[in-house]
């Protein structure tokens, strides 16, 4: 082998080792956290009471609080005196790739656990079961899917809500135009400004956005429930040690009543920044998820 070929072979081998090491690190999140002294939490800018920004790089919400508790337990289990939590805003489009490639260690937003996504990522036990609905202006006269014929329907890029609407048997023969917002706030703005006649999304996100709008009484959540979806905290696949740590912390929170306290805090009490209430009482489906904790995908919820 020539010197040049040997050099090229060594470069390829080094690159292969580097990629392998990166994958190994990404697949062993606890080791990554221990070695780096830090962890990266994926957060959302406007996912209702589950995860949202307060501005100036500050985030909060129900899943945010749950993850803070989980990471405190991880820190304790690893015997770390200090853990630096970094926050990475994610969108509906990039959240899964950022978890897969190791940029985000734990995503604490509003992600639906479904069978397709389970091929790429893993989920913690479900703490919130969502109903997908539609928000309209109160004076629109729209109360059902059938009335969307010839209308514009907003949804957020990278979400499954309009696909769910199109698959609904009541949408058969209903012809509507899709318009997309880059995030949930942008989608609500399409409704607010009249560029969309309805906004289809998770009910709690709709309720949260309405509660923070200039005139909440101008909007209503109406129509049939389009789907029932388990919303869960997300992390990398094939990392049993990290899954055990996260899931164990969440199960302890359910058992202690901490999850119930957090639900009341975020969905039934006034929340920042405007001190308005989302006002969504605990649903039977969410109660059932707490009573029998699991990471089943939404397809299992659709089975009768």
Foldseek 3Di string as FASTA:
>chain_A
DDPVVVVVVVVVVVVVVVVVVQQVCLLAVLVVCLVVLEAEEEFECQQFQQKHAPDPQHMHHLLVVLVVLLVVLSCVVSVHPHYHYHYDYDALACPLVCQQSNVHAKYRYFDFFAPVSVVRWAFAWFQDKWFKFKKFFPPLPDFALQVQAAFEEEEEPNDCFVVLSCPDPSCVPRDYHYDYAPHLLRRVVCRVVVVGGMYIDTLSSVLRNLQPDPHSNRMDTHYDRSAITGTGMIHGPNRVVSNCSSNVSVLVCLVVCVSVVSCCVRAPWQDDDVRTHSPDPDDPVSVVCSVPTDSDGRVVVPDD
